[in-house]
């Protein structure tokens, strides 16, 4: 069974495993969940979205144009669009 909080691709900066972490992406006084590796590198949460089919956040952006982003879920393969 796939770990629902682990990202299928490693950290692009150091190659470590990335885990979905609450408050990892800081914006001022608050934070939002994002993928972070154990070395502290964080993936911008705008580059991944929650899959509407299976609920995991391990998604890959396929296209970004006209204010819409297209994603593919690495867990279930669902393709979906979200506003940018």
N, C-alpha and C. Protein backbone atom coordinates (compact mmCIF):
# COMPACT_ATOMS: atom_id res chain seq x y z
N UNK A 1 0.84 -1.18 0.00
CA UNK A 1 0.00 0.00 0.00
C UNK A 1 0.89 1.25 0.00
N UNK A 2 0.54 2.21 -0.81
CA UNK A 2 1.30 3.46 -0.92
C UNK A 2 1.08 4.32 0.31
N UNK A 3 2.17 4.95 0.78
CA UNK A 3 2.10 5.88 1.89
C UNK A 3 1.40 7.14 1.39
N UNK A 4 0.27 7.48 1.98
CA UNK A 4 -0.55 8.60 1.50
C UNK A 4 0.08 9.97 1.74
N UNK A 5 1.09 10.07 2.62
CA UNK A 5 1.70 11.38 2.86
C UNK A 5 3.05 11.54 2.17
N UNK A 6 3.58 10.47 1.58
CA UNK A 6 4.87 10.54 0.89
C UNK A 6 4.67 10.92 -0.57
N UNK A 7 5.51 11.80 -1.07
CA UNK A 7 5.46 12.20 -2.48
C UNK A 7 6.21 11.15 -3.30
N UNK A 8 5.70 10.84 -4.48
CA UNK A 8 6.31 9.81 -5.32
C UNK A 8 7.65 10.24 -5.89
N UNK A 9 7.88 11.54 -6.03
CA UNK A 9 9.18 12.01 -6.52
C UNK A 9 9.96 12.61 -5.35
N UNK A 10 11.28 12.43 -5.35
CA UNK A 10 12.10 12.95 -4.26
C UNK A 10 12.28 14.46 -4.34
N UNK A 11 12.86 15.02 -3.32
CA UNK A 11 13.17 16.45 -3.27
C UNK A 11 14.08 16.80 -4.44
N UNK A 12 13.72 17.84 -5.16
CA UNK A 12 14.52 18.25 -6.31
C UNK A 12 15.86 18.89 -5.91
N UNK A 13 15.98 19.29 -4.65
CA UNK A 13 17.21 19.93 -4.19
C UNK A 13 18.22 18.94 -3.61
N UNK A 14 17.75 17.90 -2.91
CA UNK A 14 18.70 17.00 -2.25
C UNK A 14 18.41 15.51 -2.47
N UNK A 15 17.27 15.19 -3.08
CA UNK A 15 16.95 13.79 -3.37
C UNK A 15 16.29 13.03 -2.23
N UNK A 16 16.03 13.68 -1.11
CA UNK A 16 15.41 13.01 0.04
C UNK A 16 13.91 12.83 -0.19
N UNK A 17 13.31 11.91 0.56
CA UNK A 17 11.87 11.69 0.50
C UNK A 17 11.14 12.93 0.99
N UNK A 18 10.02 13.24 0.36
CA UNK A 18 9.20 14.39 0.76
C UNK A 18 7.91 13.88 1.38
N UNK A 19 7.51 14.50 2.49
CA UNK A 19 6.28 14.13 3.20
C UNK A 19 5.35 15.32 3.29
N UNK A 20 4.03 15.06 3.19
CA UNK A 20 3.01 16.10 3.32
C UNK A 20 3.01 16.55 4.77
N UNK A 21 3.27 17.86 5.00
CA UNK A 21 3.50 18.38 6.34
C UNK A 21 2.64 19.62 6.58
N UNK A 22 1.92 19.62 7.69
CA UNK A 22 1.10 20.77 8.04
C UNK A 22 1.98 21.98 8.34
N UNK A 23 1.54 23.16 7.95
CA UNK A 23 2.21 24.44 8.21
C UNK A 23 3.65 24.50 7.68
N UNK A 24 3.95 23.76 6.63
CA UNK A 24 5.31 23.73 6.07
C UNK A 24 5.61 24.96 5.21
N UNK A 25 4.58 25.51 4.57
CA UNK A 25 4.77 26.65 3.66
C UNK A 25 4.33 27.90 4.40
N UNK A 26 5.28 28.70 4.83
CA UNK A 26 4.98 29.88 5.64
C UNK A 26 4.65 31.09 4.76
N UNK A 27 3.55 31.75 5.10
CA UNK A 27 3.15 32.99 4.44
C UNK A 27 2.81 33.98 5.54
N UNK A 28 3.78 34.80 5.89
CA UNK A 28 3.57 35.75 6.98
C UNK A 28 3.48 35.02 8.31
N UNK A 29 2.41 35.28 9.03
CA UNK A 29 2.20 34.69 10.35
C UNK A 29 1.60 33.29 10.29
N UNK A 30 1.11 32.91 9.12
CA UNK A 30 0.44 31.61 9.00
C UNK A 30 1.22 30.68 8.08
N UNK A 31 0.74 29.47 8.01
CA UNK A 31 1.36 28.49 7.12
C UNK A 31 0.30 27.59 6.54
N UNK A 32 0.66 26.87 5.49
CA UNK A 32 -0.25 25.90 4.91
C UNK A 32 0.52 24.62 4.65
N UNK A 33 -0.21 23.55 4.50
CA UNK A 33 0.41 22.25 4.28
C UNK A 33 1.13 22.23 2.94
N UNK A 34 2.24 21.51 2.90
CA UNK A 34 3.05 21.37 1.69
C UNK A 34 3.97 20.17 1.87
N UNK A 35 4.60 19.75 0.79
CA UNK A 35 5.60 18.68 0.89
C UNK A 35 6.91 19.27 1.37
N UNK A 36 7.54 18.59 2.36
CA UNK A 36 8.83 19.01 2.90
C UNK A 36 9.69 17.76 3.11
N UNK A 37 10.98 17.89 2.79
CA UNK A 37 11.89 16.78 3.04
C UNK A 37 12.52 16.95 4.43
N UNK A 38 13.22 15.92 4.92
CA UNK A 38 13.81 16.00 6.26
C UNK A 38 14.97 17.00 6.32
N UNK A 39 15.43 17.50 5.17
CA UNK A 39 16.47 18.54 5.15
C UNK A 39 15.87 19.95 5.15
N UNK A 40 14.53 20.04 5.17
CA UNK A 40 13.87 21.34 5.27
C UNK A 40 13.48 21.99 3.96
N UNK A 41 13.75 21.34 2.84
CA UNK A 41 13.34 21.91 1.54
C UNK A 41 11.84 21.69 1.37
N UNK A 42 11.15 22.72 0.90
CA UNK A 42 9.69 22.68 0.78
C UNK A 42 9.27 22.91 -0.66
N UNK A 43 8.30 22.12 -1.11
CA UNK A 43 7.74 22.27 -2.45
C UNK A 43 6.59 23.27 -2.40
N UNK A 44 6.63 24.29 -3.24
CA UNK A 44 5.57 25.28 -3.31
C UNK A 44 4.22 24.55 -3.48
N UNK A 45 3.27 24.75 -2.57
CA UNK A 45 2.00 24.03 -2.65
C UNK A 45 1.17 24.37 -3.89
N UNK A 46 1.51 25.44 -4.61
CA UNK A 46 0.78 25.75 -5.84
C UNK A 46 1.16 24.78 -6.96
N UNK A 47 2.20 23.99 -6.75
CA UNK A 47 2.64 23.02 -7.76
C UNK A 47 2.01 21.65 -7.60
N UNK A 48 1.18 21.49 -6.59
CA UNK A 48 0.48 20.23 -6.37
C UNK A 48 -0.91 20.54 -5.79
N UNK A 49 -1.86 19.72 -6.09
CA UNK A 49 -3.23 19.92 -5.59
C UNK A 49 -3.78 18.59 -5.09
N UNK A 50 -4.79 18.67 -4.26
CA UNK A 50 -5.44 17.46 -3.76
C UNK A 50 -6.29 16.83 -4.85
N UNK A 51 -6.12 15.54 -5.05
CA UNK A 51 -6.89 14.82 -6.07
C UNK A 51 -8.35 14.73 -5.65
N UNK A 52 -9.28 15.13 -6.51
CA UNK A 52 -10.70 15.06 -6.17
C UNK A 52 -11.22 13.63 -6.12
N UNK A 53 -10.48 12.70 -6.69
CA UNK A 53 -10.92 11.31 -6.72
C UNK A 53 -10.48 10.52 -5.48
N UNK A 54 -9.18 10.57 -5.16
CA UNK A 54 -8.68 9.74 -4.06
C UNK A 54 -8.24 10.53 -2.83
N UNK A 55 -8.08 11.86 -2.98
CA UNK A 55 -7.78 12.71 -1.83
C UNK A 55 -6.32 12.94 -1.50
N UNK A 56 -5.38 12.26 -2.19
CA UNK A 56 -3.97 12.51 -1.88
C UNK A 56 -3.49 13.78 -2.59
N UNK A 57 -2.39 14.33 -2.12
CA UNK A 57 -1.85 15.57 -2.70
C UNK A 57 -0.70 15.32 -3.65
N UNK A 58 -0.33 14.07 -3.85
CA UNK A 58 0.80 13.72 -4.73
C UNK A 58 0.34 13.79 -6.18
N UNK A 59 0.37 14.99 -6.72
CA UNK A 59 -0.08 15.22 -8.09
C UNK A 59 1.02 15.93 -8.87
N UNK A 60 0.95 15.82 -10.18
CA UNK A 60 1.95 16.41 -11.08
C UNK A 60 1.23 17.39 -11.99
N UNK A 61 1.79 18.60 -12.12
CA UNK A 61 1.20 19.59 -13.01
C UNK A 61 1.57 19.22 -14.46
N UNK A 62 0.56 19.16 -15.31
CA UNK A 62 0.76 18.82 -16.71
C UNK A 62 0.74 20.03 -17.62
N UNK A 63 -0.07 21.04 -17.26
CA UNK A 63 -0.22 22.22 -18.10
C UNK A 63 -0.66 23.38 -17.23
N UNK A 64 -0.27 24.57 -17.62
CA UNK A 64 -0.64 25.78 -16.89
C UNK A 64 -0.84 26.90 -17.91
N UNK A 65 -2.09 27.11 -18.30
CA UNK A 65 -2.37 28.18 -19.25
C UNK A 65 -3.79 28.69 -19.08
N UNK A 66 -4.00 29.91 -19.50
CA UNK A 66 -5.31 30.58 -19.44
C UNK A 66 -5.94 30.54 -18.05
N UNK A 67 -5.09 30.66 -17.02
CA UNK A 67 -5.60 30.70 -15.65
C UNK A 67 -6.04 29.36 -15.11
N UNK A 68 -5.75 28.27 -15.80
CA UNK A 68 -6.13 26.93 -15.36
C UNK A 68 -4.89 26.05 -15.33
N UNK A 69 -4.82 25.20 -14.34
CA UNK A 69 -3.74 24.22 -14.25
C UNK A 69 -4.34 22.83 -14.41
N UNK A 70 -3.67 21.98 -15.16
CA UNK A 70 -4.08 20.59 -15.32
C UNK A 70 -3.11 19.72 -14.52
N UNK A 71 -3.65 18.77 -13.77
CA UNK A 71 -2.87 17.89 -12.92
C UNK A 71 -3.19 16.43 -13.22
N UNK A 72 -2.24 15.56 -12.84
CA UNK A 72 -2.47 14.11 -12.86
C UNK A 72 -2.07 13.59 -11.48
N UNK A 73 -2.92 12.78 -10.90
CA UNK A 73 -2.66 12.17 -9.61
C UNK A 73 -1.72 10.98 -9.80
N UNK A 74 -0.66 10.92 -9.01
CA UNK A 74 0.27 9.79 -9.12
C UNK A 74 -0.27 8.55 -8.43
N UNK A 75 -1.28 8.71 -7.59
CA UNK A 75 -1.86 7.57 -6.89
C UNK A 75 -2.87 6.81 -7.72
N UNK A 76 -3.88 7.53 -8.23
CA UNK A 76 -4.98 6.86 -8.95
C UNK A 76 -5.00 7.17 -10.44
N UNK A 77 -4.17 8.12 -10.89
CA UNK A 77 -4.11 8.44 -12.32
C UNK A 77 -5.15 9.45 -12.78
N UNK A 78 -6.01 9.90 -11.89
CA UNK A 78 -7.06 10.88 -12.25
C UNK A 78 -6.42 12.15 -12.80
N UNK A 79 -7.02 12.69 -13.87
CA UNK A 79 -6.60 13.99 -14.42
C UNK A 79 -7.69 14.99 -14.08
N UNK A 80 -7.27 16.18 -13.65
CA UNK A 80 -8.25 17.20 -13.27
C UNK A 80 -7.66 18.58 -13.47
N UNK A 81 -8.54 19.59 -13.47
CA UNK A 81 -8.14 20.99 -13.65
C UNK A 81 -8.50 21.79 -12.42
N UNK A 82 -7.70 22.81 -12.18
CA UNK A 82 -7.95 23.73 -11.06
C UNK A 82 -7.62 25.14 -11.53
N UNK A 83 -8.28 26.14 -10.98
CA UNK A 83 -7.89 27.52 -11.29
C UNK A 83 -6.52 27.80 -10.66
N UNK A 84 -5.75 28.64 -11.32
CA UNK A 84 -4.43 28.99 -10.82
C UNK A 84 -4.53 29.83 -9.59
